[in-house]
Amino acid sequence: MARRKRPLLDFLMNTVQQAQANNRDNPNEETASPKVFDLIKDQIVKANLNRGKGGTTPILDLIKGGIDKARIQNQNDPDQKNAPGAIFDAIKNGVDQFKNQNQKDEFDGLIEEFGINDEAIDQGILDKVEQAFNNDRQRLREAYAQKLQEISRG
């Protein structure tokens, strides 16, 4: 049975809506066509549907690639004005924000689970340990994803 999680998609769709509202309300930025935001949403949905098909690329990387595709499609569409690049950048920043928050939550959970007094640790050292944790976690996730892909192919 396939597992379904919507928090990421909900977060990203909200991020696109917020970027659209910010663009509309910003008097210093040209207002982009609603079609641009639909294009971005379509790319996010496509990335979500294509995740896991033929690779172990993390969904957030697929989504960022989809946002880049939407930017290129917008630039290449002679019937559309080019949307401000800040729109695409803001949405990609939202993707990074989601990833960073998840990593932070995982590390904070580790600290809490084992009752570690992180206040007794120098912040610079703690930051280095957190970065190592995130790197190790990502490598482990990729290794398991690769193994699961191999198993699912029979």
N, C-alpha and C. Protein backbone atom coordinates (compact mmCIF):
# COMPACT_ATOMS: atom_id res chain seq x y z
N MET A 1 0.85 -1.18 0.00
CA MET A 1 0.00 0.00 0.00
C MET A 1 0.90 1.24 0.00
N ALA A 2 0.60 2.16 -0.89
CA ALA A 2 1.39 3.39 -0.98
C ALA A 2 1.02 4.32 0.18
N ARG A 3 2.02 4.91 0.75
CA ARG A 3 1.80 5.87 1.82
C ARG A 3 1.60 7.25 1.21
N ARG A 4 0.72 8.02 1.79
CA ARG A 4 0.44 9.35 1.26
C ARG A 4 0.64 10.38 2.36
N LYS A 5 1.42 11.39 2.03
CA LYS A 5 1.62 12.51 2.96
C LYS A 5 1.39 13.79 2.18
N ARG A 6 0.63 14.68 2.74
CA ARG A 6 0.30 15.92 2.06
C ARG A 6 0.96 17.16 2.66
N PRO A 7 1.59 17.09 3.83
CA PRO A 7 2.10 18.34 4.40
C PRO A 7 3.05 19.09 3.46
N LEU A 8 3.90 18.39 2.75
CA LEU A 8 4.83 19.06 1.84
C LEU A 8 4.06 19.76 0.72
N LEU A 9 3.15 19.05 0.08
CA LEU A 9 2.40 19.66 -1.02
C LEU A 9 1.55 20.83 -0.53
N ASP A 10 0.92 20.65 0.61
CA ASP A 10 0.12 21.74 1.18
C ASP A 10 1.00 22.96 1.45
N PHE A 11 2.16 22.72 2.05
CA PHE A 11 3.10 23.80 2.34
C PHE A 11 3.52 24.51 1.06
N LEU A 12 3.84 23.74 0.02
CA LEU A 12 4.30 24.34 -1.23
C LEU A 12 3.19 25.11 -1.95
N MET A 13 1.99 24.57 -1.95
CA MET A 13 0.89 25.28 -2.58
C MET A 13 0.61 26.59 -1.83
N ASN A 14 0.72 26.55 -0.51
CA ASN A 14 0.57 27.78 0.27
C ASN A 14 1.69 28.76 -0.03
N THR A 15 2.90 28.24 -0.23
CA THR A 15 4.04 29.09 -0.58
C THR A 15 3.81 29.77 -1.92
N VAL A 16 3.27 29.04 -2.89
CA VAL A 16 2.97 29.62 -4.21
C VAL A 16 1.89 30.69 -4.06
N GLN A 17 0.85 30.40 -3.29
CA GLN A 17 -0.22 31.38 -3.08
C GLN A 17 0.32 32.64 -2.39
N GLN A 18 1.21 32.45 -1.42
CA GLN A 18 1.79 33.60 -0.73
C GLN A 18 2.66 34.42 -1.68
N ALA A 19 3.44 33.74 -2.52
CA ALA A 19 4.26 34.45 -3.50
C ALA A 19 3.38 35.24 -4.47
N GLN A 20 2.25 34.66 -4.85
CA GLN A 20 1.33 35.36 -5.75
C GLN A 20 0.74 36.59 -5.06
N ALA A 21 0.34 36.43 -3.80
CA ALA A 21 -0.22 37.57 -3.06
C ALA A 21 0.84 38.66 -2.87
N ASN A 22 2.06 38.25 -2.54
CA ASN A 22 3.14 39.23 -2.35
C ASN A 22 3.43 39.97 -3.65
N ASN A 23 3.41 39.24 -4.76
CA ASN A 23 3.64 39.85 -6.06
C ASN A 23 2.53 40.83 -6.40
N ARG A 24 1.31 40.43 -6.17
CA ARG A 24 0.15 41.28 -6.47
C ARG A 24 0.16 42.56 -5.62
N ASP A 25 0.59 42.43 -4.36
CA ASP A 25 0.55 43.55 -3.42
C ASP A 25 1.79 44.43 -3.46
N ASN A 26 2.80 44.04 -4.21
CA ASN A 26 4.06 44.79 -4.25
C ASN A 26 3.99 45.84 -5.37
N PRO A 27 3.92 47.12 -5.01
CA PRO A 27 3.82 48.16 -6.04
C PRO A 27 5.14 48.35 -6.81
N ASN A 28 6.22 47.79 -6.30
CA ASN A 28 7.52 47.95 -6.95
C ASN A 28 7.87 46.80 -7.88
N GLU A 29 6.93 45.87 -8.05
CA GLU A 29 7.19 44.69 -8.88
C GLU A 29 6.03 44.50 -9.83
N GLU A 30 6.35 44.18 -11.08
CA GLU A 30 5.30 43.95 -12.06
C GLU A 30 4.49 42.72 -11.65
N THR A 31 3.18 42.83 -11.73
CA THR A 31 2.31 41.72 -11.34
C THR A 31 2.33 40.66 -12.44
N ALA A 32 2.65 39.44 -12.02
CA ALA A 32 2.72 38.33 -12.97
C ALA A 32 1.33 37.79 -13.26
N SER A 33 1.20 37.23 -14.42
CA SER A 33 -0.06 36.60 -14.82
C SER A 33 -0.36 35.41 -13.89
N PRO A 34 -1.63 35.21 -13.56
CA PRO A 34 -1.99 34.02 -12.77
C PRO A 34 -1.55 32.71 -13.43
N LYS A 35 -1.42 32.74 -14.77
CA LYS A 35 -0.98 31.55 -15.49
C LYS A 35 0.42 31.11 -15.06
N VAL A 36 1.25 32.07 -14.67
CA VAL A 36 2.60 31.73 -14.22
C VAL A 36 2.53 30.89 -12.95
N PHE A 37 1.65 31.27 -12.05
CA PHE A 37 1.52 30.55 -10.79
C PHE A 37 0.89 29.17 -11.02
N ASP A 38 -0.02 29.09 -11.99
CA ASP A 38 -0.59 27.78 -12.35
C ASP A 38 0.50 26.88 -12.93
N LEU A 39 1.37 27.47 -13.73
CA LEU A 39 2.48 26.72 -14.31
C LEU A 39 3.39 26.17 -13.21
N ILE A 40 3.68 26.98 -12.21
CA ILE A 40 4.52 26.54 -11.10
C ILE A 40 3.83 25.42 -10.33
N LYS A 41 2.54 25.58 -10.04
CA LYS A 41 1.80 24.54 -9.33
C LYS A 41 1.80 23.23 -10.13
N ASP A 42 1.61 23.34 -11.44
CA ASP A 42 1.62 22.14 -12.28
C ASP A 42 2.96 21.42 -12.19
N GLN A 43 4.04 22.19 -12.20
CA GLN A 43 5.37 21.58 -12.11
C GLN A 43 5.59 20.91 -10.75
N ILE A 44 5.05 21.50 -9.70
CA ILE A 44 5.17 20.89 -8.37
C ILE A 44 4.40 19.57 -8.34
N VAL A 45 3.21 19.56 -8.90
CA VAL A 45 2.40 18.34 -8.94
C VAL A 45 3.10 17.28 -9.78
N LYS A 46 3.64 17.66 -10.93
CA LYS A 46 4.37 16.71 -11.79
C LYS A 46 5.56 16.11 -11.06
N ALA A 47 6.30 16.95 -10.36
CA ALA A 47 7.46 16.46 -9.61
C ALA A 47 7.01 15.45 -8.56
N ASN A 48 5.91 15.74 -7.90
CA ASN A 48 5.40 14.84 -6.88
C ASN A 48 4.97 13.51 -7.49
N LEU A 49 4.31 13.56 -8.64
CA LEU A 49 3.86 12.34 -9.30
C LEU A 49 5.02 11.51 -9.84
N ASN A 50 6.12 12.18 -10.21
CA ASN A 50 7.25 11.48 -10.81
C ASN A 50 8.32 11.05 -9.81
N ARG A 51 8.14 11.40 -8.55
CA ARG A 51 9.17 11.03 -7.59
C ARG A 51 9.26 9.51 -7.48
N GLY A 52 10.48 9.08 -7.36
CA GLY A 52 10.72 7.65 -7.21
C GLY A 52 10.72 6.87 -8.50
N LYS A 53 10.36 7.50 -9.60
CA LYS A 53 10.33 6.79 -10.88
C LYS A 53 11.72 6.87 -11.52
N GLY A 54 12.45 5.80 -11.35
CA GLY A 54 13.74 5.71 -12.00
C GLY A 54 14.88 6.38 -11.28
N GLY A 55 14.72 6.66 -10.01
CA GLY A 55 15.85 7.27 -9.33
C GLY A 55 15.58 7.53 -7.86
N THR A 56 16.58 8.08 -7.25
CA THR A 56 16.48 8.36 -5.82
C THR A 56 16.66 9.85 -5.54
N THR A 57 16.36 10.67 -6.52
CA THR A 57 16.46 12.11 -6.31
C THR A 57 15.40 12.54 -5.30
N PRO A 58 15.81 13.25 -4.25
CA PRO A 58 14.83 13.69 -3.25
C PRO A 58 13.76 14.58 -3.87
N ILE A 59 12.55 14.47 -3.36
CA ILE A 59 11.41 15.20 -3.89
C ILE A 59 11.67 16.71 -3.90
N LEU A 60 12.33 17.22 -2.87
CA LEU A 60 12.56 18.67 -2.83
C LEU A 60 13.46 19.12 -3.98
N ASP A 61 14.42 18.28 -4.36
CA ASP A 61 15.26 18.61 -5.51
C ASP A 61 14.46 18.54 -6.81
N LEU A 62 13.56 17.56 -6.91
CA LEU A 62 12.70 17.47 -8.09
C LEU A 62 11.80 18.70 -8.20
N ILE A 63 11.29 19.14 -7.07
CA ILE A 63 10.41 20.31 -7.08
C ILE A 63 11.17 21.56 -7.47
N LYS A 64 12.38 21.73 -6.94
CA LYS A 64 13.17 22.90 -7.32
C LYS A 64 13.48 22.87 -8.82
N GLY A 65 13.74 21.68 -9.35
CA GLY A 65 13.94 21.54 -10.79
C GLY A 65 12.68 21.90 -11.56
N GLY A 66 11.52 21.53 -11.02
CA GLY A 66 10.25 21.87 -11.65
C GLY A 66 10.01 23.37 -11.66
N ILE A 67 10.40 24.04 -10.59
CA ILE A 67 10.26 25.50 -10.53
C ILE A 67 11.16 26.14 -11.59
N ASP A 68 12.36 25.59 -11.75
CA ASP A 68 13.26 26.09 -12.81
C ASP A 68 12.64 25.87 -14.20
N LYS A 69 12.00 24.72 -14.39
CA LYS A 69 11.33 24.45 -15.67
C LYS A 69 10.21 25.46 -15.91
N ALA A 70 9.46 25.76 -14.86
CA ALA A 70 8.37 26.75 -15.00
C ALA A 70 8.94 28.11 -15.39
N ARG A 71 10.06 28.48 -14.80
CA ARG A 71 10.70 29.76 -15.14
C ARG A 71 11.09 29.77 -16.62
N ILE A 72 11.68 28.69 -17.08
CA ILE A 72 12.12 28.61 -18.48
C ILE A 72 10.92 28.63 -19.42
N GLN A 73 9.85 27.89 -19.05
CA GLN A 73 8.65 27.90 -19.88
C GLN A 73 8.06 29.30 -19.97
N ASN A 74 8.07 30.01 -18.85
CA ASN A 74 7.56 31.37 -18.84
C ASN A 74 8.42 32.27 -19.74
N GLN A 75 9.71 32.11 -19.66
CA GLN A 75 10.61 32.94 -20.47
C GLN A 75 10.48 32.64 -21.96
N ASN A 76 10.16 31.38 -22.28
CA ASN A 76 10.08 30.97 -23.69
C ASN A 76 8.69 31.13 -24.30
N ASP A 77 7.73 31.53 -23.51
CA ASP A 77 6.36 31.69 -24.01
C ASP A 77 6.19 33.10 -24.59
N PRO A 78 6.06 33.20 -25.91
CA PRO A 78 5.96 34.53 -26.53
C PRO A 78 4.65 35.25 -26.19
N ASP A 79 3.66 34.51 -25.71
CA ASP A 79 2.37 35.10 -25.38
C ASP A 79 2.29 35.57 -23.93
N GLN A 80 3.33 35.34 -23.16
CA GLN A 80 3.35 35.71 -21.74
C GLN A 80 4.48 36.69 -21.46
N LYS A 81 4.19 37.66 -20.62
CA LYS A 81 5.26 38.51 -20.12
C LYS A 81 6.09 37.68 -19.15
N ASN A 82 7.38 37.95 -19.13
CA ASN A 82 8.23 37.25 -18.17
C ASN A 82 7.89 37.70 -16.77
N ALA A 83 7.65 36.73 -15.91
CA ALA A 83 7.37 37.02 -14.50
C ALA A 83 8.68 37.44 -13.83
N PRO A 84 8.59 38.29 -12.83
CA PRO A 84 9.81 38.67 -12.10
C PRO A 84 10.50 37.43 -11.52
N GLY A 85 11.80 37.38 -11.66
CA GLY A 85 12.57 36.25 -11.14
C GLY A 85 12.41 36.07 -9.65
N ALA A 86 12.10 37.16 -8.94
CA ALA A 86 11.94 37.09 -7.50
C ALA A 86 10.82 36.13 -7.10
N ILE A 87 9.84 35.96 -7.97
CA ILE A 87 8.74 35.03 -7.68
C ILE A 87 9.26 33.61 -7.59
N PHE A 88 9.99 33.21 -8.60
CA PHE A 88 10.54 31.85 -8.64
C PHE A 88 11.52 31.64 -7.49
N ASP A 89 12.34 32.64 -7.24
CA ASP A 89 13.32 32.55 -6.15
C ASP A 89 12.64 32.42 -4.80
N ALA A 90 11.56 33.15 -4.60
CA ALA A 90 10.85 33.09 -3.31
C ALA A 90 10.26 31.69 -3.09
N ILE A 91 9.77 31.09 -4.14
CA ILE A 91 9.18 29.76 -4.00
C ILE A 91 10.28 28.72 -3.75
N LYS A 92 11.40 28.85 -4.47
CA LYS A 92 12.51 27.93 -4.21
C LYS A 92 13.06 28.12 -2.79
N ASN A 93 13.06 29.35 -2.31
CA ASN A 93 13.47 29.59 -0.92
C ASN A 93 12.51 28.91 0.05
N GLY A 94 11.23 28.87 -0.29
CA GLY A 94 10.25 28.17 0.53
C GLY A 94 10.54 26.68 0.60
N VAL A 95 10.97 26.11 -0.53
CA VAL A 95 11.36 24.69 -0.55
C VAL A 95 12.54 24.46 0.39
N ASP A 96 13.54 25.34 0.30
CA ASP A 96 14.71 25.22 1.18
C ASP A 96 14.31 25.41 2.64
N GLN A 97 13.39 26.31 2.90
CA GLN A 97 12.93 26.56 4.26
C GLN A 97 12.27 25.31 4.83
N PHE A 98 11.47 24.64 4.02
CA PHE A 98 10.81 23.40 4.45
C PHE A 98 11.88 22.34 4.80
N LYS A 99 12.86 22.19 3.92
CA LYS A 99 13.92 21.20 4.15
C LYS A 99 14.71 21.54 5.41
N ASN A 100 15.09 22.79 5.55
CA ASN A 100 15.87 23.19 6.71
C ASN A 100 15.10 23.00 8.01
N GLN A 101 13.80 23.29 7.99
CA GLN A 101 13.00 23.12 9.20
C GLN A 101 12.89 21.65 9.57
N ASN A 102 12.73 20.78 8.56
CA ASN A 102 12.67 19.35 8.84
C ASN A 102 13.98 18.85 9.44
N GLN A 103 15.09 19.32 8.89
CA GLN A 103 16.39 18.91 9.43
C GLN A 103 16.55 19.41 10.87
N LYS A 104 16.16 20.64 11.11
CA LYS A 104 16.26 21.22 12.45
C LYS A 104 15.40 20.44 13.43
N ASP A 105 14.19 20.09 13.01
CA ASP A 105 13.29 19.32 13.87
C ASP A 105 13.89 17.95 14.21
N GLU A 106 14.51 17.30 13.23
CA GLU A 106 15.13 15.99 13.46
C GLU A 106 16.27 16.10 14.48
N PHE A 107 17.11 17.10 14.31
CA PHE A 107 18.24 17.27 15.22
C PHE A 107 17.75 17.63 16.63
N ASP A 108 16.77 18.53 16.70
CA ASP A 108 16.21 18.89 18.00
C ASP A 108 15.57 17.67 18.67
N GLY A 109 14.95 16.80 17.88
CA GLY A 109 14.37 15.58 18.41
C GLY A 109 15.43 14.66 19.00
N LEU A 110 16.57 14.60 18.35
CA LEU A 110 17.70 13.80 18.85
C LEU A 110 18.16 14.33 20.21
N ILE A 111 18.31 15.64 20.29
CA ILE A 111 18.74 16.28 21.54
C ILE A 111 17.73 15.95 22.65
N GLU A 112 16.46 16.09 22.31
CA GLU A 112 15.41 15.86 23.31
C GLU A 112 15.31 14.39 23.70
N GLU A 113 15.35 13.51 22.71
CA GLU A 113 15.19 12.08 22.97
C GLU A 113 16.24 11.54 23.95
N PHE A 114 17.46 12.03 23.80
CA PHE A 114 18.54 11.52 24.63
C PHE A 114 18.87 12.44 25.81
N GLY A 115 18.05 13.46 26.01
CA GLY A 115 18.21 14.34 27.16
C GLY A 115 19.55 15.05 27.21
N ILE A 116 20.03 15.47 26.05
CA ILE A 116 21.33 16.12 25.97
C ILE A 116 21.19 17.59 26.37
N ASN A 117 22.07 18.03 27.23
CA ASN A 117 22.09 19.44 27.66
C ASN A 117 22.86 20.22 26.61
N ASP A 118 22.17 20.67 25.57
CA ASP A 118 22.83 21.37 24.47
C ASP A 118 23.32 22.75 24.88
N GLU A 119 22.81 23.28 25.98
CA GLU A 119 23.28 24.58 26.46
C GLU A 119 24.71 24.50 26.99
N ALA A 120 25.17 23.28 27.32
CA ALA A 120 26.52 23.09 27.82
C ALA A 120 27.53 22.91 26.69
N ILE A 121 27.04 22.94 25.45
CA ILE A 121 27.91 22.74 24.28
C ILE A 121 28.10 24.06 23.56
N ASP A 122 29.34 24.36 23.22
CA ASP A 122 29.66 25.56 22.46
C ASP A 122 28.83 25.59 21.17
N GLN A 123 28.22 26.72 20.84
CA GLN A 123 27.32 26.83 19.69
C GLN A 123 28.02 26.46 18.39
N GLY A 124 29.29 26.85 18.23
CA GLY A 124 30.02 26.51 17.01
C GLY A 124 30.18 25.01 16.85
N ILE A 125 30.48 24.34 17.95
CA ILE A 125 30.61 22.88 17.92
C ILE A 125 29.26 22.24 17.66
N LEU A 126 28.24 22.75 18.31
CA LEU A 126 26.89 22.22 18.12
C LEU A 126 26.46 22.36 16.66
N ASP A 127 26.77 23.49 16.05
CA ASP A 127 26.44 23.71 14.64
C ASP A 127 27.15 22.70 13.74
N LYS A 128 28.42 22.41 14.04
CA LYS A 128 29.19 21.44 13.25
C LYS A 128 28.61 20.04 13.41
N VAL A 129 28.23 19.69 14.63
CA VAL A 129 27.63 18.37 14.87
C VAL A 129 26.30 18.27 14.14
N GLU A 130 25.51 19.34 14.19
CA GLU A 130 24.22 19.33 13.49
C GLU A 130 24.42 19.18 11.98
N GLN A 131 25.41 19.86 11.41
CA GLN A 131 25.68 19.73 9.98
C GLN A 131 26.12 18.31 9.63
N ALA A 132 26.98 17.72 10.46
CA ALA A 132 27.41 16.34 10.23
C ALA A 132 26.22 15.39 10.33
N PHE A 133 25.36 15.62 11.32
CA PHE A 133 24.14 14.82 11.48
C PHE A 133 23.29 14.90 10.22
N ASN A 134 23.08 16.10 9.71
CA ASN A 134 22.26 16.28 8.51
C ASN A 134 22.88 15.61 7.30
N ASN A 135 24.20 15.73 7.15
CA ASN A 135 24.88 15.08 6.03
C ASN A 135 24.77 13.56 6.12
N ASP A 136 25.02 13.01 7.34
CA ASP A 136 24.92 11.57 7.54
C ASP A 136 23.49 11.08 7.31
N ARG A 137 22.54 11.84 7.80
CA ARG A 137 21.12 11.50 7.64
C ARG A 137 20.75 11.46 6.16
N GLN A 138 21.22 12.43 5.40
CA GLN A 138 20.91 12.47 3.97
C GLN A 138 21.54 11.28 3.24
N ARG A 139 22.79 10.96 3.56
CA ARG A 139 23.44 9.80 2.92
C ARG A 139 22.70 8.51 3.26
N LEU A 140 22.29 8.37 4.52
CA LEU A 140 21.56 7.18 4.94
C LEU A 140 20.22 7.09 4.21
N ARG A 141 19.52 8.19 4.11
CA ARG A 141 18.23 8.22 3.42
C ARG A 141 18.41 7.83 1.95
N GLU A 142 19.45 8.35 1.31
CA GLU A 142 19.70 8.03 -0.09
C GLU A 142 20.03 6.56 -0.27
N ALA A 143 20.83 5.99 0.65
CA ALA A 143 21.18 4.58 0.57
C ALA A 143 19.94 3.70 0.72
N TYR A 144 19.08 4.03 1.67
CA TYR A 144 17.85 3.26 1.84
C TYR A 144 16.91 3.45 0.66
N ALA A 145 16.83 4.65 0.13
CA ALA A 145 15.99 4.88 -1.05
C ALA A 145 16.48 4.04 -2.22
N GLN A 146 17.79 3.99 -2.41
CA GLN A 146 18.37 3.19 -3.50
C GLN A 146 18.03 1.72 -3.31
N LYS A 147 18.19 1.24 -2.09
CA LYS A 147 17.90 -0.17 -1.81
C LYS A 147 16.41 -0.47 -2.05
N LEU A 148 15.54 0.40 -1.59
CA LEU A 148 14.11 0.20 -1.79
C LEU A 148 13.74 0.25 -3.28
N GLN A 149 14.42 1.11 -4.04
CA GLN A 149 14.19 1.17 -5.48
C GLN A 149 14.57 -0.17 -6.11
N GLU A 150 15.73 -0.70 -5.71
CA GLU A 150 16.18 -1.99 -6.24
C GLU A 150 15.19 -3.10 -5.90
N ILE A 151 14.72 -3.12 -4.67
CA ILE A 151 13.77 -4.15 -4.24
C ILE A 151 12.46 -4.01 -5.01
N SER A 152 12.00 -2.79 -5.21
CA SER A 152 10.71 -2.58 -5.88
C SER A 152 10.74 -2.95 -7.35
N ARG A 153 11.93 -2.98 -7.93
CA ARG A 153 12.07 -3.37 -9.34
C ARG A 153 12.11 -4.87 -9.52
N GLY A 154 12.19 -5.58 -8.40
CA GLY A 154 12.13 -7.03 -8.45
C GLY A 154 13.44 -7.62 -8.59
